Amino acid sequence: MNASLRVAVLSLAVVALGACASMDERTSAAPAAQAEMRVSSDRLDVDHEYVARVETIARRRGIGVTWVHPPYKKVRAENRE
């Protein structure tokens, strides 16, 4: 059983590494997202309304909230102050 488990783990590792190696740059979403960010004049701001709602509910339940990655919302260029 130990040998068959080793073969299964090794096979899974080979398949996973093969999938990573066959990934093409053109299929990656990162360059498209970077191009969109350069062209767009919109910006991302912290969604303070959502943060306040979540923290209020958490306080009622006695839970402390620590935002590691706060939620963002897109702000149109026309709406900037």
PDB file of N, CA and C in Angstrom:
ATOM      1  N   MET A   1       0.826  -1.194   0.000  1.00  0.00           N
ATOM      2  CA  MET A   1       0.000   0.000   0.000  1.00  0.00           C
ATOM      3  C   MET A   1       0.867   1.252   0.000  1.00  0.00           C
ATOM      4  N   ASN A   2       1.958   1.229   0.727  1.00  0.00           N
ATOM      5  CA  ASN A   2       2.848   2.372   0.797  1.00  0.00           C
ATOM      6  C   ASN A   2       3.428   2.690  -0.582  1.00  0.00           C
ATOM      7  N   ALA A   3       3.762   1.685  -1.342  1.00  0.00           N
ATOM      8  CA  ALA A   3       4.325   1.891  -2.674  1.00  0.00           C
ATOM      9  C   ALA A   3       3.280   2.471  -3.622  1.00  0.00           C
ATOM     10  N   SER A   4       2.058   1.987  -3.519  1.00  0.00           N
ATOM     11  CA  SER A   4       1.016   2.518  -4.404  1.00  0.00           C
ATOM     12  C   SER A   4       0.692   3.961  -4.053  1.00  0.00           C
ATOM     13  N   LEU A   5       0.760   4.338  -2.786  1.00  0.00           N
ATOM     14  CA  LEU A   5       0.544   5.722  -2.378  1.00  0.00           C
ATOM     15  C   LEU A   5       1.642   6.624  -2.929  1.00  0.00           C
ATOM     16  N   ARG A   6       2.886   6.155  -2.869  1.00  0.00           N
ATOM     17  CA  ARG A   6       3.998   6.927  -3.428  1.00  0.00           C
ATOM     18  C   ARG A   6       3.836   7.131  -4.931  1.00  0.00           C
ATOM     19  N   VAL A   7       3.413   6.090  -5.635  1.00  0.00           N
ATOM     20  CA  VAL A   7       3.203   6.188  -7.082  1.00  0.00           C
ATOM     21  C   VAL A   7       2.082   7.182  -7.379  1.00  0.00           C
ATOM     22  N   ALA A   8       1.023   7.151  -6.594  1.00  0.00           N
ATOM     23  CA  ALA A   8      -0.103   8.069  -6.810  1.00  0.00           C
ATOM     24  C   ALA A   8       0.321   9.521  -6.582  1.00  0.00           C
ATOM     25  N   VAL A   9       1.065   9.763  -5.507  1.00  0.00           N
ATOM     26  CA  VAL A   9       1.532  11.123  -5.209  1.00  0.00           C
ATOM     27  C   VAL A   9       2.500  11.600  -6.281  1.00  0.00           C
ATOM     28  N   LEU A  10       3.409  10.758  -6.696  1.00  0.00           N
ATOM     29  CA  LEU A  10       4.360  11.118  -7.737  1.00  0.00           C
ATOM     30  C   LEU A  10       3.649  11.401  -9.061  1.00  0.00           C
ATOM     31  N   SER A  11       2.664  10.595  -9.407  1.00  0.00           N
ATOM     32  CA  SER A  11       1.902  10.810 -10.638  1.00  0.00           C
ATOM     33  C   SER A  11       1.154  12.127 -10.601  1.00  0.00           C
ATOM     34  N   LEU A  12       0.546  12.425  -9.463  1.00  0.00           N
ATOM     35  CA  LEU A  12      -0.179  13.689  -9.314  1.00  0.00           C
ATOM     36  C   LEU A  12       0.767  14.880  -9.444  1.00  0.00           C
ATOM     37  N   ALA A  13       1.954  14.774  -8.865  1.00  0.00           N
ATOM     38  CA  ALA A  13       2.933  15.852  -8.954  1.00  0.00           C
ATOM     39  C   ALA A  13       3.385  16.065 -10.394  1.00  0.00           C
ATOM     40  N   VAL A  14       3.612  14.997 -11.135  1.00  0.00           N
ATOM     41  CA  VAL A  14       4.043  15.107 -12.537  1.00  0.00           C
ATOM     42  C   VAL A  14       2.942  15.764 -13.372  1.00  0.00           C
ATOM     43  N   VAL A  15       1.709  15.376 -13.154  1.00  0.00           N
ATOM     44  CA  VAL A  15       0.592  15.971 -13.903  1.00  0.00           C
ATOM     45  C   VAL A  15       0.450  17.449 -13.569  1.00  0.00           C
ATOM     46  N   ALA A  16       0.563  17.791 -12.300  1.00  0.00           N
ATOM     47  CA  ALA A  16       0.432  19.194 -11.892  1.00  0.00           C
ATOM     48  C   ALA A  16       1.553  20.047 -12.480  1.00  0.00           C
ATOM     49  N   LEU A  17       2.775  19.552 -12.433  1.00  0.00           N
ATOM     50  CA  LEU A  17       3.899  20.311 -12.993  1.00  0.00           C
ATOM     51  C   LEU A  17       3.782  20.428 -14.514  1.00  0.00           C
ATOM     52  N   GLY A  18       3.282  19.397 -15.143  1.00  0.00           N
ATOM     53  CA  GLY A  18       3.081  19.457 -16.591  1.00  0.00           C
ATOM     54  C   GLY A  18       2.037  20.489 -16.971  1.00  0.00           C
ATOM     55  N   ALA A  19       0.999  20.614 -16.165  1.00  0.00           N
ATOM     56  CA  ALA A  19      -0.042  21.605 -16.435  1.00  0.00           C
ATOM     57  C   ALA A  19       0.509  23.018 -16.277  1.00  0.00           C
ATOM     58  N   CYS A  20       1.355  23.230 -15.282  1.00  0.00           N
ATOM     59  CA  CYS A  20       1.947  24.563 -15.085  1.00  0.00           C
ATOM     60  C   CYS A  20       2.899  24.913 -16.224  1.00  0.00           C
ATOM     61  N   ALA A  21       3.653  23.945 -16.685  1.00  0.00           N
ATOM     62  CA  ALA A  21       4.630  24.197 -17.730  1.00  0.00           C
ATOM     63  C   ALA A  21       3.969  24.475 -19.075  1.00  0.00           C
ATOM     64  N   SER A  22       2.773  23.952 -19.287  1.00  0.00           N
ATOM     65  CA  SER A  22       2.124  24.132 -20.578  1.00  0.00           C
ATOM     66  C   SER A  22       1.304  25.409 -20.652  1.00  0.00           C
ATOM     67  N   MET A  23       1.266  26.202 -19.584  1.00  0.00           N
ATOM     68  CA  MET A  23       0.480  27.432 -19.576  1.00  0.00           C
ATOM     69  C   MET A  23       1.143  28.464 -20.485  1.00  0.00           C
ATOM     70  N   ASP A  24       0.366  29.056 -21.359  1.00  0.00           N
ATOM     71  CA  ASP A  24       0.865  30.036 -22.311  1.00  0.00           C
ATOM     72  C   ASP A  24       0.667  31.440 -21.757  1.00  0.00           C
ATOM     73  N   GLU A  25       1.595  32.346 -22.033  1.00  0.00           N
ATOM     74  CA  GLU A  25       1.470  33.718 -21.559  1.00  0.00           C
ATOM     75  C   GLU A  25       0.216  34.390 -22.096  1.00  0.00           C
ATOM     76  N   ARG A  26      -0.146  34.112 -23.321  1.00  0.00           N
ATOM     77  CA  ARG A  26      -1.299  34.769 -23.925  1.00  0.00           C
ATOM     78  C   ARG A  26      -2.604  34.392 -23.241  1.00  0.00           C
ATOM     79  N   THR A  27      -2.645  33.242 -22.584  1.00  0.00           N
ATOM     80  CA  THR A  27      -3.868  32.841 -21.900  1.00  0.00           C
ATOM     81  C   THR A  27      -3.948  33.412 -20.495  1.00  0.00           C
ATOM     82  N   SER A  28      -2.890  34.026 -20.042  1.00  0.00           N
ATOM     83  CA  SER A  28      -2.877  34.598 -18.707  1.00  0.00           C
ATOM     84  C   SER A  28      -3.736  35.849 -18.666  1.00  0.00           C
ATOM     85  N   ALA A  29      -4.449  36.065 -17.572  1.00  0.00           N
ATOM     86  CA  ALA A  29      -5.327  37.231 -17.439  1.00  0.00           C
ATOM     87  C   ALA A  29      -4.565  38.465 -16.961  1.00  0.00           C
ATOM     88  N   ALA A  30      -3.376  38.297 -16.409  1.00  0.00           N
ATOM     89  CA  ALA A  30      -2.639  39.421 -15.839  1.00  0.00           C
ATOM     90  C   ALA A  30      -2.294  40.505 -16.864  1.00  0.00           C
ATOM     91  N   PRO A  31      -1.761  40.200 -18.035  1.00  0.00           N
ATOM     92  CA  PRO A  31      -1.450  41.285 -18.968  1.00  0.00           C
ATOM     93  C   PRO A  31      -2.692  42.058 -19.414  1.00  0.00           C
ATOM     94  N   ALA A  32      -3.805  41.381 -19.603  1.00  0.00           N
ATOM     95  CA  ALA A  32      -5.031  42.077 -20.001  1.00  0.00           C
ATOM     96  C   ALA A  32      -5.497  43.006 -18.892  1.00  0.00           C
ATOM     97  N   ALA A  33      -5.401  42.561 -17.650  1.00  0.00           N
ATOM     98  CA  ALA A  33      -5.822  43.395 -16.523  1.00  0.00           C
ATOM     99  C   ALA A  33      -4.915  44.611 -16.393  1.00  0.00           C
ATOM    100  N   GLN A  34      -3.614  44.425 -16.610  1.00  0.00           N
ATOM    101  CA  GLN A  34      -2.698  45.556 -16.535  1.00  0.00           C
ATOM    102  C   GLN A  34      -2.981  46.558 -17.639  1.00  0.00           C
ATOM    103  N   ALA A  35      -3.281  46.086 -18.838  1.00  0.00           N
ATOM    104  CA  ALA A  35      -3.591  46.987 -19.937  1.00  0.00           C
ATOM    105  C   ALA A  35      -4.861  47.766 -19.645  1.00  0.00           C
ATOM    106  N   GLU A  36      -5.850  47.105 -19.058  1.00  0.00           N
ATOM    107  CA  GLU A  36      -7.108  47.774 -18.724  1.00  0.00           C
ATOM    108  C   GLU A  36      -6.883  48.856 -17.680  1.00  0.00           C
ATOM    109  N   MET A  37      -6.017  48.589 -16.704  1.00  0.00           N
ATOM    110  CA  MET A  37      -5.752  49.558 -15.654  1.00  0.00           C
ATOM    111  C   MET A  37      -5.043  50.792 -16.212  1.00  0.00           C
ATOM    112  N   ARG A  38      -4.195  50.604 -17.227  1.00  0.00           N
ATOM    113  CA  ARG A  38      -3.502  51.756 -17.807  1.00  0.00           C
ATOM    114  C   ARG A  38      -4.454  52.628 -18.600  1.00  0.00           C
ATOM    115  N   VAL A  39      -5.389  52.015 -19.306  1.00  0.00           N
ATOM    116  CA  VAL A  39      -6.300  52.756 -20.170  1.00  0.00           C
ATOM    117  C   VAL A  39      -7.393  53.423 -19.354  1.00  0.00           C
ATOM    118  N   SER A  40      -7.873  52.746 -18.339  1.00  0.00           N
ATOM    119  CA  SER A  40      -8.988  53.243 -17.546  1.00  0.00           C
ATOM    120  C   SER A  40      -8.524  54.358 -16.629  1.00  0.00           C
ATOM    121  N   SER A  41      -9.356  55.389 -16.497  1.00  0.00           N
ATOM    122  CA  SER A  41      -9.042  56.464 -15.564  1.00  0.00           C
ATOM    123  C   SER A  41      -9.807  56.278 -14.261  1.00  0.00           C
ATOM    124  N   ASP A  42     -10.502  55.146 -14.126  1.00  0.00           N
ATOM    125  CA  ASP A  42     -11.205  54.841 -12.888  1.00  0.00           C
ATOM    126  C   ASP A  42     -10.196  54.433 -11.822  1.00  0.00           C
ATOM    127  N   ARG A  43     -10.633  54.487 -10.575  1.00  0.00           N
ATOM    128  CA  ARG A  43      -9.754  54.046  -9.499  1.00  0.00           C
ATOM    129  C   ARG A  43     -10.547  53.206  -8.512  1.00  0.00           C
ATOM    130  N   LEU A  44      -9.832  52.492  -7.653  1.00  0.00           N
ATOM    131  CA  LEU A  44     -10.467  51.664  -6.639  1.00  0.00           C
ATOM    132  C   LEU A  44     -10.319  52.343  -5.286  1.00  0.00           C
ATOM    133  N   ASP A  45     -11.432  52.455  -4.562  1.00  0.00           N
ATOM    134  CA  ASP A  45     -11.438  53.000  -3.209  1.00  0.00           C
ATOM    135  C   ASP A  45     -12.017  51.961  -2.268  1.00  0.00           C
ATOM    136  N   VAL A  46     -11.648  52.044  -1.003  1.00  0.00           N
ATOM    137  CA  VAL A  46     -12.207  51.140  -0.003  1.00  0.00           C
ATOM    138  C   VAL A  46     -13.707  51.404   0.087  1.00  0.00           C
ATOM    139  N   ASP A  47     -14.490  50.331   0.117  1.00  0.00           N
ATOM    140  CA  ASP A  47     -15.949  50.427   0.227  1.00  0.00           C
ATOM    141  C   ASP A  47     -16.302  50.612   1.700  1.00  0.00           C
ATOM    142  N   HIS A  48     -16.291  51.867   2.151  1.00  0.00           N
ATOM    143  CA  HIS A  48     -16.491  52.174   3.563  1.00  0.00           C
ATOM    144  C   HIS A  48     -17.887  51.802   4.049  1.00  0.00           C
ATOM    145  N   GLU A  49     -18.886  51.897   3.194  1.00  0.00           N
ATOM    146  CA  GLU A  49     -20.253  51.540   3.592  1.00  0.00           C
ATOM    147  C   GLU A  49     -20.332  50.051   3.933  1.00  0.00           C
ATOM    148  N   TYR A  50     -19.758  49.213   3.093  1.00  0.00           N
ATOM    149  CA  TYR A  50     -19.766  47.770   3.335  1.00  0.00           C
ATOM    150  C   TYR A  50     -18.977  47.434   4.593  1.00  0.00           C
ATOM    151  N   VAL A  51     -17.814  48.068   4.762  1.00  0.00           N
ATOM    152  CA  VAL A  51     -16.986  47.830   5.936  1.00  0.00           C
ATOM    153  C   VAL A  51     -17.766  48.178   7.202  1.00  0.00           C
ATOM    154  N   ALA A  52     -18.469  49.316   7.188  1.00  0.00           N
ATOM    155  CA  ALA A  52     -19.244  49.731   8.359  1.00  0.00           C
ATOM    156  C   ALA A  52     -20.363  48.747   8.662  1.00  0.00           C
ATOM    157  N   ARG A  53     -21.062  48.255   7.623  1.00  0.00           N
ATOM    158  CA  ARG A  53     -22.148  47.287   7.845  1.00  0.00           C
ATOM    159  C   ARG A  53     -21.618  46.007   8.466  1.00  0.00           C
ATOM    160  N   VAL A  54     -20.515  45.495   7.932  1.00  0.00           N
ATOM    161  CA  VAL A  54     -19.944  44.249   8.450  1.00  0.00           C
ATOM    162  C   VAL A  54     -19.465  44.434   9.885  1.00  0.00           C
ATOM    163  N   GLU A  55     -18.816  45.546  10.179  1.00  0.00           N
ATOM    164  CA  GLU A  55     -18.308  45.773  11.525  1.00  0.00           C
ATOM    165  C   GLU A  55     -19.435  45.973  12.530  1.00  0.00           C
ATOM    166  N   THR A  56     -20.540  46.605  12.105  1.00  0.00           N
ATOM    167  CA  THR A  56     -21.691  46.777  12.997  1.00  0.00           C
ATOM    168  C   THR A  56     -22.301  45.428  13.360  1.00  0.00           C
ATOM    169  N   ILE A  57     -22.502  44.578  12.368  1.00  0.00           N
ATOM    170  CA  ILE A  57     -23.064  43.246  12.622  1.00  0.00           C
ATOM    171  C   ILE A  57     -22.120  42.434  13.503  1.00  0.00           C
ATOM    172  N   ALA A  58     -20.828  42.521  13.237  1.00  0.00           N
ATOM    173  CA  ALA A  58     -19.846  41.774  14.024  1.00  0.00           C
ATOM    174  C   ALA A  58     -19.835  42.251  15.478  1.00  0.00           C
ATOM    175  N   ARG A  59     -19.920  43.565  15.692  1.00  0.00           N
ATOM    176  CA  ARG A  59     -19.941  44.108  17.045  1.00  0.00           C
ATOM    177  C   ARG A  59     -21.150  43.597  17.827  1.00  0.00           C
ATOM    178  N   ARG A  60     -22.318  43.536  17.156  1.00  0.00           N
ATOM    179  CA  ARG A  60     -23.531  43.025  17.811  1.00  0.00           C
ATOM    180  C   ARG A  60     -23.349  41.582  18.261  1.00  0.00           C
ATOM    181  N   ARG A  61     -22.594  40.817  17.487  1.00  0.00           N
ATOM    182  CA  ARG A  61     -22.379  39.401  17.792  1.00  0.00           C
ATOM    183  C   ARG A  61     -21.162  39.163  18.666  1.00  0.00           C
ATOM    184  N   GLY A  62     -20.453  40.233  19.021  1.00  0.00           N
ATOM    185  CA  GLY A  62     -19.280  40.090  19.879  1.00  0.00           C
ATOM    186  C   GLY A  62     -18.053  39.566  19.168  1.00  0.00           C
ATOM    187  N   ILE A  63     -17.966  39.844  17.870  1.00  0.00           N
ATOM    188  CA  ILE A  63     -16.851  39.364  17.057  1.00  0.00           C
ATOM    189  C   ILE A  63     -15.982  40.552  16.652  1.00  0.00           C
ATOM    190  N   GLY A  64     -14.685  40.387  16.754  1.00  0.00           N
ATOM    191  CA  GLY A  64     -13.761  41.417  16.297  1.00  0.00           C
ATOM    192  C   GLY A  64     -13.380  41.179  14.842  1.00  0.00           C
ATOM    193  N   VAL A  65     -13.349  42.231  14.044  1.00  0.00           N
ATOM    194  CA  VAL A  65     -13.025  42.105  12.621  1.00  0.00           C
ATOM    195  C   VAL A  65     -11.690  42.786  12.362  1.00  0.00           C
ATOM    196  N   THR A  66     -10.792  42.083  11.694  1.00  0.00           N
ATOM    197  CA  THR A  66      -9.529  42.659  11.242  1.00  0.00           C
ATOM    198  C   THR A  66      -9.498  42.524   9.723  1.00  0.00           C
ATOM    199  N   TRP A  67      -9.467  43.634   9.026  1.00  0.00           N
ATOM    200  CA  TRP A  67      -9.484  43.629   7.559  1.00  0.00           C
ATOM    201  C   TRP A  67      -8.063  43.453   7.061  1.00  0.00           C
ATOM    202  N   VAL A  68      -7.785  42.314   6.468  1.00  0.00           N
ATOM    203  CA  VAL A  68      -6.481  42.069   5.857  1.00  0.00           C
ATOM    204  C   VAL A  68      -6.479  42.666   4.456  1.00  0.00           C
ATOM    205  N   HIS A  69      -7.521  42.378   3.691  1.00  0.00           N
ATOM    206  CA  HIS A  69      -7.718  42.945   2.365  1.00  0.00           C
ATOM    207  C   HIS A  69      -9.112  43.557   2.349  1.00  0.00           C
ATOM    208  N   PRO A  70      -9.227  44.847   2.620  1.00  0.00           N
ATOM    209  CA  PRO A  70     -10.556  45.451   2.668  1.00  0.00           C
ATOM    210  C   PRO A  70     -11.219  45.425   1.291  1.00  0.00           C
ATOM    211  N   PRO A  71     -12.542  45.419   1.273  1.00  0.00           N
ATOM    212  CA  PRO A  71     -13.244  45.392  -0.009  1.00  0.00           C
ATOM    213  C   PRO A  71     -13.104  46.739  -0.731  1.00  0.00           C
ATOM    214  N   TYR A  72     -12.969  46.660  -2.040  1.00  0.00           N
ATOM    215  CA  TYR A  72     -12.838  47.865  -2.850  1.00  0.00           C
ATOM    216  C   TYR A  72     -14.031  48.005  -3.777  1.00  0.00           C
ATOM    217  N   LYS A  73     -14.303  49.256  -4.168  1.00  0.00           N
ATOM    218  CA  LYS A  73     -15.313  49.511  -5.189  1.00  0.00           C
ATOM    219  C   LYS A  73     -14.689  50.436  -6.221  1.00  0.00           C
ATOM    220  N   LYS A  74     -15.157  50.283  -7.446  1.00  0.00           N
ATOM    221  CA  LYS A  74     -14.637  51.098  -8.530  1.00  0.00           C
ATOM    222  C   LYS A  74     -15.302  52.472  -8.509  1.00  0.00           C
ATOM    223  N   VAL A  75     -14.499  53.517  -8.578  1.00  0.00           N
ATOM    224  CA  VAL A  75     -14.999  54.892  -8.590  1.00  0.00           C
ATOM    225  C   VAL A  75     -14.746  55.468  -9.965  1.00  0.00           C
ATOM    226  N   ARG A  76     -15.801  55.908 -10.611  1.00  0.00           N
ATOM    227  CA  ARG A  76     -15.684  56.486 -11.955  1.00  0.00           C
ATOM    228  C   ARG A  76     -14.917  57.804 -11.902  1.00  0.00           C
ATOM    229  N   ALA A  77     -14.264  58.152 -12.973  1.00  0.00           N
ATOM    230  CA  ALA A  77     -13.449  59.355 -13.040  1.00  0.00           C
ATOM    231  C   ALA A  77     -14.302  60.616 -12.869  1.00  0.00           C
ATOM    232  N   GLU A  78     -15.553  60.606 -13.334  1.00  0.00           N
ATOM    233  CA  GLU A  78     -16.423  61.768 -13.237  1.00  0.00           C
ATOM    234  C   GLU A  78     -16.829  62.046 -11.793  1.00  0.00           C
ATOM    235  N   ASN A  79     -16.868  61.002 -10.947  1.00  0.00           N
ATOM    236  CA  ASN A  79     -17.361  61.139  -9.575  1.00  0.00           C
ATOM    237  C   ASN A  79     -16.288  61.543  -8.585  1.00  0.00           C
ATOM    238  N   ARG A  80     -15.099  61.762  -9.024  1.00  0.00           N
ATOM    239  CA  ARG A  80     -14.013  62.140  -8.106  1.00  0.00           C
ATOM    240  C   ARG A  80     -14.251  63.544  -7.583  1.00  0.00           C
ATOM    241  N   GLU A  81     -13.826  63.735  -6.332  1.00  0.00           N
ATOM    242  CA  GLU A  81     -13.971  65.061  -5.725  1.00  0.00           C
ATOM    243  C   GLU A  81     -12.633  65.678  -5.472  1.00  0.00           C
TER     244      GLU A  81
END
